[in-house]
Amino acid sequence: MKPTISPVGDCAISIDFGQVIDPKINRHIRQIIEQIKDLQLDGIIELVPTYCALLVQYDAMVYSYSDICRILEPTLQESVTDSANELVTIVEIPTVYGGEFGPDLGFVASYNHLSEAEVVSIHSGTDYLVYMLGFIPGFTYLGGMDPRIATPRLSSPRTLIPAGSVGIAGEQTGTYPSDSPGGWQIIGRTPVTMYDMSKEQAALLQAGDYVRYVSIDENEFHRVKSLGMEYIPSIYEIESGDLRGYK
């Protein structure tokens, strides 16, 4: 569908693509971001992608609402580039599942009439698209989780979930980048630092990346944890057609 533009306050616009969560829409949003960056416009403050929209924040002393619409309208007319051989970034997140690290793994398994091993195999067998970041800095909203392990949120949220916890809520999955309250079903934990304010790019993951959870044991968890900031997760590119669970 053709995107629509609407004002958000007096210094931002929302470019909306409907209400559907879809990899093609997300790819279109990311392409528009790159096209806007290529324009090298003074006064563009921030570009914030969401599931099916793009927020463009601009300096109201430089552009009016009609100005920004006129400038960006031609960009919205361009078609989405075919992604048949698109290179995408994979970030491997080592994760220990179950036990004290994943207290809700048993419930997720029983709710879906699966064994815990089957839940782990399904969860770690898919490459998840990072649609957007939000809720708290560095928290990723991932798409593509297998509905066979979809599980409702906790009836009563926990007041503290440890940083690195991997959770499921409905048909979504994601990783808590810092200690936080939360209501997701926690099935595992990664020792990788997901958000580090001392770095220029504080969040390990960016919208458009893909996450590949890699099952590890408790000994490997503690080994990686002991390395702290010195540990660098595997990050590499593959063709989109080679993604696991790719649609």
Protein backbone atom coordinates (compact mmCIF):
# COMPACT_ATOMS: atom_id res chain seq x y z
CA MET A 1 0.00 0.00 0.00
CA LYS A 2 1.03 3.60 -0.51
CA PRO A 3 2.30 5.12 2.75
CA THR A 4 0.50 8.11 4.24
CA ILE A 5 1.93 11.09 6.13
CA SER A 6 0.39 12.60 9.25
CA PRO A 7 1.67 15.21 11.72
CA VAL A 8 2.95 14.25 15.17
CA GLY A 9 3.03 17.42 17.21
CA ASP A 10 4.73 20.44 15.65
CA CYS A 11 8.11 18.90 14.81
CA ALA A 12 7.57 15.36 13.59
CA ILE A 13 5.63 13.33 11.06
CA SER A 14 4.59 9.70 10.95
CA ILE A 15 4.87 7.83 7.66
CA ASP A 16 2.35 5.02 8.03
CA PHE A 17 2.15 1.73 6.12
CA GLY A 18 -1.09 0.35 7.57
CA GLN A 19 -1.48 -1.95 10.56
CA VAL A 20 0.24 -5.10 9.31
CA ILE A 21 3.48 -6.51 10.73
CA ASP A 22 5.29 -7.76 7.64
CA PRO A 23 8.99 -8.12 6.66
CA LYS A 24 8.31 -6.43 3.29
CA ILE A 25 6.87 -3.36 5.01
CA ASN A 26 9.79 -3.27 7.41
CA ARG A 27 12.21 -3.50 4.47
CA HIS A 28 10.38 -0.60 2.78
CA ILE A 29 10.72 1.47 5.95
CA ARG A 30 14.45 0.74 6.16
CA GLN A 31 14.92 1.65 2.50
CA ILE A 32 13.13 4.96 3.05
CA ILE A 33 15.43 5.66 6.01
CA GLU A 34 18.48 5.17 3.79
CA GLN A 35 16.96 7.34 1.05
CA ILE A 36 16.26 10.15 3.52
CA LYS A 37 19.82 9.90 4.85
CA ASP A 38 21.11 10.14 1.28
CA LEU A 39 19.31 13.48 0.90
CA GLN A 40 21.61 14.86 3.64
CA LEU A 41 18.97 17.28 4.83
CA ASP A 42 19.88 19.80 7.51
CA GLY A 43 17.27 19.83 10.23
CA ILE A 44 16.37 16.13 10.28
CA ILE A 45 16.87 15.22 13.93
CA GLU A 46 15.95 11.54 14.15
CA LEU A 47 14.45 8.68 12.14
CA VAL A 48 12.63 6.12 14.31
CA PRO A 49 11.27 2.94 12.68
CA THR A 50 8.39 0.99 14.24
CA TYR A 51 6.57 -2.17 13.15
CA CYS A 52 4.69 -0.45 10.33
CA ALA A 53 5.56 3.25 10.46
CA LEU A 54 8.49 5.65 10.43
CA LEU A 55 8.67 8.68 12.71
CA VAL A 56 10.64 11.58 11.23
CA GLN A 57 11.60 14.23 13.76
CA TYR A 58 12.68 17.55 12.27
CA ASP A 59 13.67 21.05 13.33
CA ALA A 60 10.54 23.20 13.13
CA MET A 61 12.75 26.27 12.72
CA VAL A 62 14.04 24.80 9.45
CA TYR A 63 10.94 23.12 8.00
CA SER A 64 7.21 23.54 8.24
CA TYR A 65 4.93 20.53 8.07
CA SER A 66 4.11 21.26 4.43
CA ASP A 67 7.84 21.67 3.65
CA ILE A 68 8.79 18.28 5.04
CA CYS A 69 5.87 16.57 3.28
CA ARG A 70 6.83 18.16 -0.04
CA ILE A 71 10.49 17.16 0.34
CA LEU A 72 9.84 13.56 1.35
CA GLU A 73 6.86 12.79 -0.90
CA PRO A 74 9.02 11.77 -3.93
CA THR A 75 10.92 9.31 -1.74
CA LEU A 76 7.66 7.59 -0.80
CA GLN A 77 6.80 7.01 -4.45
CA GLU A 78 9.82 4.78 -5.05
CA SER A 79 9.16 1.05 -5.18
CA VAL A 80 10.65 -1.46 -2.78
CA THR A 81 13.86 -3.05 -4.03
CA ASP A 82 13.64 -6.79 -4.69
CA SER A 83 15.28 -8.59 -1.76
CA ALA A 84 15.91 -11.96 -3.43
CA ASN A 85 19.67 -11.66 -2.85
CA GLU A 86 19.65 -9.05 -0.12
CA LEU A 87 22.52 -9.29 2.36
CA VAL A 88 21.30 -9.14 5.95
CA THR A 89 23.20 -8.94 9.23
CA ILE A 90 23.00 -11.88 11.62
CA VAL A 91 23.90 -11.40 15.29
CA GLU A 92 24.35 -14.61 17.27
CA ILE A 93 23.13 -14.41 20.86
CA PRO A 94 24.41 -17.31 23.01
CA THR A 95 21.63 -18.28 25.42
CA VAL A 96 21.29 -20.79 28.23
CA TYR A 97 17.73 -22.09 28.41
CA GLY A 98 15.73 -23.22 31.44
CA GLY A 99 16.63 -23.67 35.09
CA GLU A 100 17.32 -20.50 37.07
CA PHE A 101 18.02 -18.72 33.78
CA GLY A 102 14.66 -19.57 32.24
CA PRO A 103 12.12 -20.13 35.02
CA ASP A 104 9.13 -20.16 32.64
CA LEU A 105 10.47 -22.66 30.11
CA GLY A 106 8.46 -25.46 31.73
CA PHE A 107 5.24 -23.47 31.54
CA VAL A 108 5.81 -22.54 27.88
CA ALA A 109 6.39 -26.22 27.13
CA SER A 110 3.30 -27.47 28.98
CA TYR A 111 1.08 -24.69 27.58
CA ASN A 112 2.01 -25.74 24.05
CA HIS A 113 2.04 -29.51 24.75
CA LEU A 114 5.73 -29.76 23.98
CA SER A 115 8.84 -30.89 25.82
CA GLU A 116 11.29 -28.28 27.06
CA ALA A 117 13.84 -29.57 24.55
CA GLU A 118 11.33 -29.05 21.73
CA VAL A 119 10.70 -25.45 22.83
CA VAL A 120 14.44 -24.77 22.85
CA SER A 121 14.88 -26.37 19.44
CA ILE A 122 12.03 -24.34 17.93
CA HIS A 123 13.05 -21.07 19.56
CA SER A 124 16.72 -21.36 18.59
CA GLY A 125 15.88 -22.65 15.10
CA THR A 126 14.56 -19.36 13.72
CA ASP A 127 16.31 -16.15 12.67
CA TYR A 128 14.34 -13.21 14.06
CA LEU A 129 14.02 -9.85 12.34
CA VAL A 130 14.55 -6.82 14.60
CA TYR A 131 11.56 -4.68 13.68
CA MET A 132 12.18 -1.92 16.20
CA LEU A 133 13.63 -0.99 19.59
CA GLY A 134 11.58 0.39 22.44
CA PHE A 135 10.02 -0.06 25.90
CA ILE A 136 13.46 0.45 27.47
CA PRO A 137 16.71 1.40 25.68
CA GLY A 138 17.96 -1.52 23.61
CA PHE A 139 14.89 -3.75 23.98
CA THR A 140 14.22 -5.45 20.65
CA TYR A 141 10.84 -6.32 19.19
CA LEU A 142 11.48 -9.38 17.04
CA GLY A 143 9.33 -10.91 14.33
CA GLY A 144 9.06 -14.42 12.98
CA MET A 145 8.59 -16.54 16.10
CA ASP A 146 7.05 -19.94 15.47
CA PRO A 147 3.41 -19.92 16.70
CA ARG A 148 3.93 -23.41 18.12
CA ILE A 149 5.63 -21.83 21.15
CA ALA A 150 3.40 -18.73 21.47
CA THR A 151 2.44 -18.22 25.11
CA PRO A 152 0.46 -15.48 26.91
CA ARG A 153 2.18 -12.97 29.14
CA LEU A 154 2.40 -13.55 32.88
CA SER A 155 -0.85 -12.77 34.67
CA SER A 156 1.16 -10.66 37.12
CA PRO A 157 4.38 -9.00 35.88
CA ARG A 158 7.60 -9.50 37.81
CA THR A 159 9.13 -6.45 39.46
CA LEU A 160 12.65 -7.45 38.40
CA ILE A 161 13.83 -9.43 35.39
CA PRO A 162 17.63 -9.79 35.08
CA ALA A 163 19.45 -8.20 32.15
CA GLY A 164 19.91 -10.64 29.28
CA SER A 165 16.69 -12.55 29.98
CA VAL A 166 15.05 -13.99 26.87
CA GLY A 167 11.27 -13.98 26.95
CA ILE A 168 8.10 -14.84 25.07
CA ALA A 169 4.84 -12.87 25.06
CA GLY A 170 2.14 -14.02 22.67
CA GLU A 171 3.86 -14.57 19.32
CA GLN A 172 6.73 -12.23 20.18
CA THR A 173 10.15 -12.92 21.61
CA GLY A 174 12.96 -10.64 22.72
CA THR A 175 15.79 -9.98 25.15
CA TYR A 176 15.76 -7.65 28.14
CA PRO A 177 18.88 -5.45 27.76
CA SER A 178 18.93 -4.34 31.40
CA ASP A 179 17.34 -5.18 34.73
CA SER A 180 13.69 -4.28 34.38
CA PRO A 181 10.15 -5.10 35.45
CA GLY A 182 8.32 -7.17 32.87
CA GLY A 183 5.54 -9.59 32.13
CA TRP A 184 7.08 -11.87 29.50
CA GLN A 185 7.58 -15.61 30.00
CA ILE A 186 11.32 -15.99 30.65
CA ILE A 187 12.77 -19.07 28.93
CA GLY A 188 16.51 -18.29 29.04
CA ARG A 189 19.25 -15.73 29.50
CA THR A 190 22.23 -14.50 27.52
CA PRO A 191 25.52 -13.38 29.10
CA VAL A 192 26.05 -10.89 26.26
CA THR A 193 25.84 -7.17 27.07
CA MET A 194 22.91 -5.95 24.98
CA TYR A 195 23.13 -2.26 25.86
CA ASP A 196 26.24 -0.30 26.83
CA MET A 197 25.97 3.48 27.23
CA SER A 198 29.76 3.86 27.06
CA LYS A 199 29.73 2.92 23.37
CA GLU A 200 28.90 5.26 20.52
CA GLN A 201 26.31 2.70 19.35
CA ALA A 202 24.91 1.74 22.73
CA ALA A 203 22.51 -0.97 21.55
CA LEU A 204 24.07 -4.17 20.24
CA LEU A 205 21.13 -4.74 17.89
CA GLN A 206 19.65 -2.33 15.36
CA ALA A 207 16.38 -2.37 13.42
CA GLY A 208 16.87 -4.51 10.33
CA ASP A 209 19.33 -6.92 11.98
CA TYR A 210 18.46 -10.57 12.48
CA VAL A 211 18.94 -12.39 15.79
CA ARG A 212 20.02 -16.02 15.94
CA TYR A 213 19.76 -17.49 19.44
CA VAL A 214 22.41 -20.16 20.02
CA SER A 215 21.81 -22.65 22.82
CA ILE A 216 24.71 -22.94 25.29
CA ASP A 217 25.22 -24.65 28.66
CA GLU A 218 25.70 -23.04 32.05
CA ASN A 219 29.51 -23.38 31.95
CA GLU A 220 29.67 -21.48 28.65
CA PHE A 221 27.33 -18.85 30.08
CA HIS A 222 29.70 -18.17 32.97
CA ARG A 223 32.75 -18.20 30.67
CA VAL A 224 31.22 -15.57 28.39
CA LYS A 225 29.94 -13.59 31.39
CA SER A 226 33.45 -13.49 32.86
CA LEU A 227 34.78 -11.87 29.69
CA GLY A 228 32.40 -8.95 30.10
CA MET A 229 32.92 -6.22 27.51
CA GLU A 230 35.77 -8.20 25.95
CA TYR A 231 33.33 -10.74 24.53
CA ILE A 232 32.28 -9.94 20.98
CA PRO A 233 29.32 -11.95 19.63
CA SER A 234 29.46 -13.40 16.14
CA ILE A 235 28.12 -10.87 13.62
CA TYR A 236 28.12 -11.66 9.91
CA GLU A 237 26.13 -11.27 6.70
CA ILE A 238 24.17 -13.88 4.77
CA GLU A 239 21.70 -13.74 1.89
CA SER A 240 18.12 -13.28 2.99
CA GLY A 241 17.08 -16.50 1.28
CA ASP A 242 19.35 -18.46 3.63
CA LEU A 243 17.66 -17.23 6.81
CA ARG A 244 16.14 -19.94 8.98
CA GLY A 245 12.39 -19.59 9.14
CA TYR A 246 12.59 -16.73 6.63
CA LYS A 247 9.27 -15.76 5.01
